[in-house]
């Protein structure tokens, strides 16, 4: 090609690196032939329409904003969790066996908001399928029925994990399925406590509440009598953490080697307040209320029969018009369990005043931006007096969110922490009392 290298390339409409050139346009939008000489090339670009390359400007701005956000993400959003543990031995166990809790939490960069983490996790995470054995238990308290789902059963002394989902949750929920999968991969047995009406029909007009542990007491007693030689730990999230905390302070014969709380609700009054924040009230709170009322509708005949006998402690028709959690507890859940109102139900839940009564090693994972609670109620000061508490708080993660990576299809921070925690207890006897 020699001296005429560029003109010859332009005559072929090919750039040596970028490939075919886009057509040149004059001020009237008419196509201009590519120049065959340098003078013609200069003239052509002088008369070309500047709009032909207008797409470059927004591209440059977009790239700049991406670089800016990448720097913000790396240096501001990606941080190590805050770990509080005043027992030197247990802190050493955490560092040795649960290193993920001391690494930087790299949340999904395009989902930094707490509500995005909370809502989108269920969309992007897969739904693993597992073979289960469902066991029905009749409660001594009122003859009602609860269901336990058993997974990966092998031997009598096999390490066992009791799982308590959040409100309206069951073994069919996405995050619970991942818990089961994680434990199955480690060779452990899982048993999920499905609250009354969650994934099965009611037999009595009584459901469940975060303030009532009667069913949990019977479930734990059943498991320990059935598997007396099996090491046992418990995992709970959201309302499940409320039940485990109350169980731990009221039941002195606690069979759990350790407990893992995820998105722990430490104070029911604070959760009640958070439920009334505008965004939470019309998203998460409304969803939970609709799910709870949906179970009442699915078991309408049971409630209607009790209502006709005059035995139902709440107005069935009025209940269907409820739209917020506080009113649901006040008008339905509290009366169902003999409480006067929402305040009475909150008072019956676990209280900070009883933190000294926690006698089992408890690892709790919370996000500072959890929409259903706040960092003000995480018992960091109380942990100085009760060394059973191991508190881990990330700056972001939402409520049962904790997604990681650009494509959050793999394990979340919850999954990775759960795997390391279970192995630490069952295989290394960590956090022993």
Protein backbone atom coordinates (compact mmCIF):
# COMPACT_ATOMS: atom_id res chain seq x y z
CA UNK A 1 0.00 0.00 0.00
CA UNK A 2 2.96 2.36 0.66
CA UNK A 3 2.34 6.13 0.89
CA UNK A 4 -1.32 5.80 -0.02
CA UNK A 5 -1.99 3.43 2.94
CA UNK A 6 -4.77 5.46 4.63
CA UNK A 7 -6.50 6.66 1.44
CA UNK A 8 -6.51 3.13 0.10
CA UNK A 9 -8.05 1.82 3.32
CA UNK A 10 -10.68 4.55 3.22
CA UNK A 11 -11.42 3.72 -0.37
CA UNK A 12 -12.18 0.20 0.88
CA UNK A 13 -14.29 1.68 3.77
CA UNK A 14 -12.17 -0.33 6.21
CA UNK A 15 -10.27 0.93 9.25
CA UNK A 16 -7.13 -1.05 10.11
CA UNK A 17 -8.40 -1.65 13.71
CA UNK A 18 -12.08 -0.75 13.87
CA UNK A 19 -13.27 -2.47 10.71
CA UNK A 20 -15.89 -0.99 8.31
CA UNK A 21 -16.42 2.77 8.58
CA UNK A 22 -19.89 4.21 9.17
CA UNK A 23 -21.15 6.29 6.23
CA UNK A 24 -20.23 10.00 6.21
CA UNK A 25 -23.16 12.41 6.00
CA UNK A 26 -23.32 16.02 4.81
CA UNK A 27 -25.33 18.76 6.51
CA UNK A 28 -28.43 17.68 4.61
CA UNK A 29 -28.10 14.08 5.67
CA UNK A 30 -26.91 12.83 2.28
CA UNK A 31 -24.30 10.12 2.11
CA UNK A 32 -20.76 11.11 1.16
CA UNK A 33 -18.41 8.65 -0.49
CA UNK A 34 -15.32 7.80 1.54
CA UNK A 35 -12.31 9.84 0.35
CA UNK A 36 -9.61 8.30 -1.78
CA UNK A 37 -6.95 10.87 -0.94
CA UNK A 38 -5.84 12.77 2.15
CA UNK A 39 -7.13 16.11 0.83
CA UNK A 40 -10.49 14.60 -0.01
CA UNK A 41 -10.55 12.94 3.40
CA UNK A 42 -9.99 16.26 5.20
CA UNK A 43 -12.63 17.96 3.08
CA UNK A 44 -15.10 15.17 3.69
CA UNK A 45 -14.77 15.41 7.47
CA UNK A 46 -15.03 19.20 7.38
CA UNK A 47 -18.38 18.95 5.61
CA UNK A 48 -19.61 15.88 7.54
CA UNK A 49 -22.59 16.21 9.88
CA UNK A 50 -21.36 16.27 13.56
CA UNK A 51 -24.47 14.33 14.60
CA UNK A 52 -22.98 11.28 12.93
CA UNK A 53 -20.69 10.87 15.94
CA UNK A 54 -23.08 12.20 18.60
CA UNK A 55 -23.38 8.73 20.15
CA UNK A 56 -19.81 9.03 21.41
CA UNK A 57 -20.66 11.71 23.98
CA UNK A 58 -23.26 9.72 25.97
CA UNK A 59 -20.97 6.69 25.79
CA UNK A 60 -18.15 8.68 27.37
CA UNK A 61 -20.47 9.98 30.09
CA UNK A 62 -21.75 6.46 30.80
CA UNK A 63 -18.23 5.06 31.06
CA UNK A 64 -17.23 7.89 33.38
CA UNK A 65 -20.23 7.28 35.65
CA UNK A 66 -19.49 3.55 35.71
CA UNK A 67 -15.90 4.20 36.74
CA UNK A 68 -17.07 6.65 39.38
CA UNK A 69 -19.60 4.18 40.80
CA UNK A 70 -17.02 1.38 40.70
CA UNK A 71 -14.70 3.48 42.85
CA UNK A 72 -17.57 4.32 45.23
CA UNK A 73 -18.54 0.65 45.44
CA UNK A 74 -14.99 -0.54 46.10
CA UNK A 75 -13.99 2.06 48.67
CA UNK A 76 -17.29 2.96 50.36
CA UNK A 77 -19.77 0.09 50.01
CA UNK A 78 -17.47 -2.93 50.30
CA UNK A 79 -16.60 -3.27 53.97
CA UNK A 80 -15.85 -5.90 56.56
CA UNK A 81 -18.67 -6.79 58.98
CA UNK A 82 -18.54 -5.55 62.55
CA UNK A 83 -17.93 -8.49 64.90
CA UNK A 84 -18.68 -8.20 68.62
CA UNK A 85 -17.70 -11.05 70.93
CA UNK A 86 -16.32 -10.60 74.43
CA UNK A 87 -15.25 -14.20 74.93
CA UNK A 88 -11.64 -14.58 73.71
CA UNK A 89 -12.04 -18.30 73.11
CA UNK A 90 -15.18 -17.92 71.00
CA UNK A 91 -13.69 -15.00 69.10
CA UNK A 92 -10.76 -17.23 68.24
CA UNK A 93 -13.18 -19.95 67.11
CA UNK A 94 -14.95 -17.44 64.86
CA UNK A 95 -11.72 -16.31 63.24
CA UNK A 96 -10.51 -19.86 62.75
CA UNK A 97 -13.69 -21.60 61.61
CA UNK A 98 -15.87 -18.77 60.22
CA UNK A 99 -13.40 -16.59 58.28
CA UNK A 100 -16.15 -15.36 55.94
CA UNK A 101 -17.39 -13.15 58.78
CA UNK A 102 -14.07 -11.28 58.79
CA UNK A 103 -13.81 -10.77 55.03
CA UNK A 104 -15.13 -7.81 53.09
CA UNK A 105 -18.77 -8.32 52.16
CA UNK A 106 -19.04 -7.69 48.41
CA UNK A 107 -22.74 -7.13 47.99
CA UNK A 108 -24.37 -7.17 44.57
CA UNK A 109 -23.29 -3.77 43.16
CA UNK A 110 -26.51 -3.04 41.27
CA UNK A 111 -28.67 -3.88 44.31
CA UNK A 112 -27.24 -1.77 47.14
CA UNK A 113 -30.64 -0.83 48.56
CA UNK A 114 -32.06 -2.85 51.49
CA UNK A 115 -35.41 -3.38 49.75
CA UNK A 116 -33.71 -4.53 46.56
CA UNK A 117 -31.66 -7.05 48.53
CA UNK A 118 -34.73 -8.25 50.42
CA UNK A 119 -37.07 -8.59 47.45
CA UNK A 120 -34.74 -9.61 44.62
CA UNK A 121 -32.99 -12.44 46.48
CA UNK A 122 -35.99 -14.67 45.98
CA UNK A 123 -36.05 -13.86 42.27
CA UNK A 124 -32.41 -14.45 41.42
CA UNK A 125 -31.74 -17.41 43.69
CA UNK A 126 -32.66 -20.82 42.35
CA UNK A 127 -35.17 -23.13 44.04
CA UNK A 128 -33.37 -26.42 44.78
CA UNK A 129 -35.53 -29.54 44.91
CA UNK A 130 -35.09 -32.03 47.72
CA UNK A 131 -36.81 -35.23 48.76
CA UNK A 132 -38.56 -34.77 52.07
CA UNK A 133 -40.48 -36.79 54.57
CA UNK A 134 -43.37 -34.90 56.13
CA UNK A 135 -44.31 -35.72 59.71
CA UNK A 136 -47.52 -34.43 61.28
CA UNK A 137 -47.60 -33.72 65.00
CA UNK A 138 -50.71 -33.13 67.09
CA UNK A 139 -50.14 -30.46 69.70
CA UNK A 140 -51.10 -31.27 73.27
CA UNK A 141 -52.12 -27.66 73.96
CA UNK A 142 -55.22 -27.57 71.74
CA UNK A 143 -55.15 -30.56 69.39
CA UNK A 144 -53.87 -28.45 66.52
CA UNK A 145 -51.44 -29.78 63.95
CA UNK A 146 -47.93 -28.79 62.91
CA UNK A 147 -45.75 -30.37 60.24
CA UNK A 148 -42.06 -31.19 60.27
CA UNK A 149 -40.23 -31.76 57.00
CA UNK A 150 -37.21 -34.07 57.27
CA UNK A 151 -34.33 -34.09 54.77
CA UNK A 152 -31.26 -36.31 54.26
CA UNK A 153 -32.05 -38.78 57.05
CA UNK A 154 -29.39 -41.46 57.49
CA UNK A 155 -28.35 -42.46 61.00
CA UNK A 156 -29.65 -41.83 64.51
CA UNK A 157 -26.52 -39.96 65.57
CA UNK A 158 -26.30 -37.84 62.41
CA UNK A 159 -25.76 -34.10 63.09
CA UNK A 160 -29.17 -32.41 62.86
CA UNK A 161 -30.18 -28.84 62.10
CA UNK A 162 -33.59 -27.51 63.15
CA UNK A 163 -34.72 -24.68 60.87
CA UNK A 164 -37.27 -21.98 61.73
CA UNK A 165 -38.38 -19.81 58.77
CA UNK A 166 -39.72 -16.27 58.95
CA UNK A 167 -43.39 -15.35 59.27
CA UNK A 168 -45.51 -17.11 56.60
CA UNK A 169 -42.38 -19.12 55.65
CA UNK A 170 -42.03 -22.88 55.20
CA UNK A 171 -39.72 -25.54 53.80
CA UNK A 172 -40.89 -24.50 50.33
CA UNK A 173 -39.40 -21.00 50.60
CA UNK A 174 -36.37 -20.23 48.48
CA UNK A 175 -33.96 -19.40 51.29
CA UNK A 176 -34.96 -22.45 53.35
CA UNK A 177 -34.38 -24.71 50.34
CA UNK A 178 -30.84 -23.33 50.12
CA UNK A 179 -30.27 -23.96 53.83
CA UNK A 180 -31.36 -27.56 53.32
CA UNK A 181 -29.12 -27.91 50.28
CA UNK A 182 -26.11 -26.55 52.17
CA UNK A 183 -26.62 -28.94 55.08
CA UNK A 184 -27.26 -31.91 52.77
CA UNK A 185 -23.99 -31.25 50.95
CA UNK A 186 -22.22 -31.45 54.33
CA UNK A 187 -23.96 -34.73 55.17
CA UNK A 188 -26.16 -33.27 57.90
CA UNK A 189 -29.84 -33.93 58.51
CA UNK A 190 -32.29 -31.00 58.28
CA UNK A 191 -35.71 -30.68 59.85
CA UNK A 192 -37.88 -27.67 59.04
CA UNK A 193 -40.54 -26.55 61.50
CA UNK A 194 -43.50 -25.42 59.37
CA UNK A 195 -45.74 -23.16 61.44
CA UNK A 196 -49.46 -23.87 61.57
CA UNK A 197 -51.10 -23.29 58.21
CA UNK A 198 -47.83 -22.78 56.33
CA UNK A 199 -47.98 -25.13 53.31
CA UNK A 200 -50.73 -27.31 54.84
CA UNK A 201 -54.31 -27.09 56.15
CA UNK A 202 -55.26 -26.09 59.68
CA UNK A 203 -57.27 -28.36 61.94
CA UNK A 204 -58.02 -25.71 64.59
CA UNK A 205 -58.64 -21.93 64.33
CA UNK A 206 -55.26 -21.15 65.85
CA UNK A 207 -52.19 -20.09 63.86
CA UNK A 208 -48.90 -18.80 65.24
CA UNK A 209 -47.15 -15.76 66.65
CA UNK A 210 -43.63 -14.63 67.46
CA UNK A 211 -44.67 -14.34 71.09
CA UNK A 212 -45.86 -17.94 71.53
CA UNK A 213 -43.43 -20.86 71.87
CA UNK A 214 -45.79 -23.67 72.96
CA UNK A 215 -45.54 -25.40 69.58
CA UNK A 216 -41.76 -24.98 69.43
CA UNK A 217 -41.37 -26.52 72.90
CA UNK A 218 -43.29 -29.62 71.79
CA UNK A 219 -41.39 -29.82 68.50
CA UNK A 220 -37.97 -29.68 70.19
CA UNK A 221 -39.08 -32.24 72.76
CA UNK A 222 -40.24 -34.55 69.98
CA UNK A 223 -36.96 -34.25 68.07
CA UNK A 224 -34.74 -34.85 71.10
CA UNK A 225 -36.78 -37.84 72.26
CA UNK A 226 -36.65 -39.30 68.76
CA UNK A 227 -32.93 -38.60 68.25
CA UNK A 228 -31.34 -38.55 71.71
CA UNK A 229 -27.81 -39.16 70.37
CA UNK A 230 -27.87 -36.67 67.50
CA UNK A 231 -25.94 -33.40 67.93
CA UNK A 232 -28.42 -30.54 67.42
CA UNK A 233 -28.20 -26.89 66.41
CA UNK A 234 -30.94 -24.43 65.45
CA UNK A 235 -31.19 -21.83 62.69
CA UNK A 236 -33.84 -19.14 62.61
CA UNK A 237 -34.59 -16.04 60.61
CA UNK A 238 -36.92 -13.09 61.14
CA UNK A 239 -39.85 -14.34 63.28
CA UNK A 240 -37.97 -17.59 63.77
CA UNK A 241 -35.28 -15.66 65.67
CA UNK A 242 -37.93 -14.28 68.03
CA UNK A 243 -39.09 -17.80 68.83
CA UNK A 244 -35.57 -19.13 69.39
CA UNK A 245 -34.63 -16.21 71.63
CA UNK A 246 -37.71 -16.66 73.80
CA UNK A 247 -37.20 -20.41 73.88
CA UNK A 248 -33.60 -19.92 74.99
CA UNK A 249 -34.51 -17.72 77.97
CA UNK A 250 -37.57 -19.68 79.11
CA UNK A 251 -36.44 -23.28 78.63
CA UNK A 252 -33.55 -24.08 80.93
CA UNK A 253 -33.08 -27.59 79.52
CA UNK A 254 -31.83 -26.30 76.17
CA UNK A 255 -30.65 -29.13 73.89
CA UNK A 256 -28.99 -26.93 71.24
CA UNK A 257 -25.21 -26.91 71.02
CA UNK A 258 -25.45 -23.49 69.38
CA UNK A 259 -27.94 -21.24 67.58
CA UNK A 260 -27.53 -19.18 64.39
CA UNK A 261 -29.86 -16.17 64.03
CA UNK A 262 -30.24 -14.54 60.62
CA UNK A 263 -31.74 -11.03 60.35
CA UNK A 264 -32.52 -11.25 64.05
CA UNK A 265 -35.44 -9.25 65.41
CA UNK A 266 -34.11 -8.33 68.84
CA UNK A 267 -36.95 -6.03 69.89
CA UNK A 268 -40.59 -6.50 68.84
CA UNK A 269 -41.48 -2.87 69.62
CA UNK A 270 -38.73 -1.66 67.28
CA UNK A 271 -39.93 -4.01 64.55
CA UNK A 272 -43.47 -2.71 65.07
CA UNK A 273 -42.18 0.84 64.62
CA UNK A 274 -40.21 -0.08 61.50
CA UNK A 275 -43.30 -1.68 59.98
CA UNK A 276 -44.87 1.78 59.92
CA UNK A 277 -42.13 3.48 57.95
CA UNK A 278 -43.80 4.58 54.67
CA UNK A 279 -41.84 2.38 52.28
CA UNK A 280 -41.94 -0.66 54.55
CA UNK A 281 -45.64 -0.20 55.33
CA UNK A 282 -46.66 -0.41 51.68
CA UNK A 283 -44.20 -3.10 50.58
CA UNK A 284 -42.92 -5.68 53.07
CA UNK A 285 -45.61 -5.13 55.71
CA UNK A 286 -48.44 -5.28 53.17
CA UNK A 287 -47.00 -8.46 51.64
CA UNK A 288 -46.74 -10.20 55.00
CA UNK A 289 -50.28 -9.17 55.97
CA UNK A 290 -51.69 -10.45 52.69
CA UNK A 291 -49.87 -13.77 53.12
CA UNK A 292 -51.16 -14.23 56.67
CA UNK A 293 -54.72 -13.35 55.68
CA UNK A 294 -54.35 -15.64 52.67
CA UNK A 295 -53.87 -18.57 55.04
CA UNK A 296 -57.05 -17.60 56.87
CA UNK A 297 -58.92 -17.62 53.56
CA UNK A 298 -57.46 -21.02 52.65
CA UNK A 299 -58.78 -22.39 55.95
CA UNK A 300 -62.01 -20.39 55.93
CA UNK A 301 -64.23 -23.30 56.91
CA UNK A 302 -62.25 -23.92 60.11
CA UNK A 303 -62.54 -20.29 61.21
CA UNK A 304 -66.15 -19.98 60.06
CA UNK A 305 -67.21 -23.02 62.09
CA UNK A 306 -65.56 -21.60 65.20
CA UNK A 307 -67.16 -18.23 64.52
CA UNK A 308 -70.64 -19.76 64.31
CA UNK A 309 -70.09 -21.39 67.70
CA UNK A 310 -69.11 -18.02 69.14
CA UNK A 311 -65.63 -19.30 69.99
CA UNK A 312 -63.57 -17.17 67.59
CA UNK A 313 -61.88 -14.35 69.54
CA UNK A 314 -61.85 -11.90 66.60
CA UNK A 315 -64.18 -10.57 63.91
CA UNK A 316 -63.64 -12.79 60.87
CA UNK A 317 -65.14 -10.38 58.32
CA UNK A 318 -63.29 -7.40 59.74
CA UNK A 319 -60.01 -9.29 59.50
CA UNK A 320 -60.26 -9.48 55.70
CA UNK A 321 -60.09 -5.67 55.44
CA UNK A 322 -56.85 -5.31 57.41
CA UNK A 323 -53.95 -3.82 55.46
CA UNK A 324 -51.11 -3.28 57.97
CA UNK A 325 -49.24 -5.51 60.40
CA UNK A 326 -49.96 -3.54 63.56
CA UNK A 327 -53.71 -3.79 63.01
CA UNK A 328 -53.38 -7.48 62.13
CA UNK A 329 -51.65 -8.20 65.43
CA UNK A 330 -54.03 -5.94 67.32
CA UNK A 331 -57.26 -7.35 65.86
CA UNK A 332 -56.38 -10.95 64.99
CA UNK A 333 -53.11 -12.41 66.28
CA UNK A 334 -53.16 -10.97 69.81
CA UNK A 335 -56.77 -12.06 70.55
CA UNK A 336 -56.03 -15.48 69.04
CA UNK A 337 -53.53 -16.08 71.85
CA UNK A 338 -55.37 -14.34 74.66
CA UNK A 339 -53.44 -11.05 74.43
CA UNK A 340 -55.31 -7.77 74.77
CA UNK A 341 -53.75 -5.93 71.87
CA UNK A 342 -50.60 -5.33 69.82
CA UNK A 343 -48.75 -3.92 72.84
CA UNK A 344 -49.57 -7.01 74.87
CA UNK A 345 -48.29 -9.26 72.10
CA UNK A 346 -45.04 -7.28 71.83
CA UNK A 347 -44.53 -7.44 75.59
CA UNK A 348 -44.90 -11.22 75.48
CA UNK A 349 -42.00 -11.56 73.03
CA UNK A 350 -38.32 -11.86 73.95
CA UNK A 351 -37.06 -8.76 75.78
CA UNK A 352 -33.62 -7.18 76.13
CA UNK A 353 -34.09 -7.28 79.87
CA UNK A 354 -33.59 -11.05 79.71
CA UNK A 355 -30.39 -11.13 77.66
CA UNK A 356 -28.48 -12.45 80.68
CA UNK A 357 -30.70 -15.55 80.60
CA UNK A 358 -29.32 -16.65 77.22
CA UNK A 359 -27.24 -19.70 78.12
CA UNK A 360 -26.52 -21.11 74.64
CA UNK A 361 -23.83 -19.83 72.23
CA UNK A 362 -25.66 -17.59 69.76
CA UNK A 363 -24.24 -16.25 66.50
CA UNK A 364 -26.40 -13.46 65.08
CA UNK A 365 -26.04 -11.95 61.60
CA UNK A 366 -27.75 -8.60 60.97
CA UNK A 367 -27.55 -5.87 58.33
CA UNK A 368 -27.46 -2.26 59.52
CA UNK A 369 -29.95 -1.33 56.78
CA UNK A 370 -32.47 -4.08 57.65
CA UNK A 371 -35.89 -2.46 57.06
CA UNK A 372 -37.54 -4.48 59.86
CA UNK A 373 -35.21 -3.51 62.70
CA UNK A 374 -32.34 -1.13 63.53
CA UNK A 375 -28.83 -1.23 64.94
CA UNK A 376 -30.07 0.53 68.09
CA UNK A 377 -31.51 -2.74 69.41
CA UNK A 378 -28.61 -5.05 68.59
CA UNK A 379 -27.39 -5.92 72.12
CA UNK A 380 -23.74 -4.97 71.71
CA UNK A 381 -23.49 -3.49 75.21
CA UNK A 382 -25.33 -6.43 76.75
CA UNK A 383 -22.85 -8.76 75.05
CA UNK A 384 -20.19 -7.48 77.46
CA UNK A 385 -22.05 -9.22 80.28
CA UNK A 386 -23.13 -12.33 78.38
CA UNK A 387 -20.29 -13.94 76.48
CA UNK A 388 -22.67 -16.37 74.77
CA UNK A 389 -23.49 -13.63 72.26
CA UNK A 390 -21.49 -13.35 69.02
CA UNK A 391 -22.85 -10.43 67.00
CA UNK A 392 -22.01 -9.80 63.34
CA UNK A 393 -23.35 -6.70 61.54
CA UNK A 394 -22.83 -5.76 57.90
CA UNK A 395 -23.56 -2.24 56.68
CA UNK A 396 -25.83 -3.53 53.91
CA UNK A 397 -27.77 -6.68 53.11
CA UNK A 398 -31.42 -5.94 53.84
CA UNK A 399 -33.67 -8.50 55.52
CA UNK A 400 -32.66 -12.10 54.64
CA UNK A 401 -30.95 -10.67 51.55
CA UNK A 402 -27.14 -10.61 51.69
CA UNK A 403 -26.72 -11.23 47.94
CA UNK A 404 -23.17 -11.20 46.60
CA UNK A 405 -21.53 -10.71 43.21
CA UNK A 406 -22.63 -9.07 39.96
CA UNK A 407 -24.70 -12.14 39.08
CA UNK A 408 -26.15 -13.27 42.45
CA UNK A 409 -27.10 -16.79 41.42
CA UNK A 410 -24.66 -18.54 43.73
CA UNK A 411 -24.44 -18.73 47.52
CA UNK A 412 -25.24 -15.64 49.58
CA UNK A 413 -23.31 -14.48 52.61
CA UNK A 414 -25.93 -16.31 54.70
CA UNK A 415 -25.20 -19.60 52.94
CA UNK A 416 -21.45 -19.31 53.31
CA UNK A 417 -21.66 -18.30 56.98
CA UNK A 418 -24.13 -21.10 57.72
CA UNK A 419 -21.85 -23.74 56.17
CA UNK A 420 -18.85 -22.59 58.18
CA UNK A 421 -20.87 -22.25 61.39
CA UNK A 422 -22.38 -25.75 61.16
CA UNK A 423 -19.02 -27.33 60.42
CA UNK A 424 -17.42 -25.42 63.29
CA UNK A 425 -19.97 -26.80 65.76
CA UNK A 426 -20.35 -30.36 64.48
CA UNK A 427 -16.81 -31.11 63.33
CA UNK A 428 -14.61 -28.91 65.54
CA UNK A 429 -16.69 -28.56 68.71
CA UNK A 430 -16.37 -24.79 68.45
CA UNK A 431 -18.25 -22.34 70.71
CA UNK A 432 -18.72 -25.10 73.31
CA UNK A 433 -20.37 -24.01 76.51
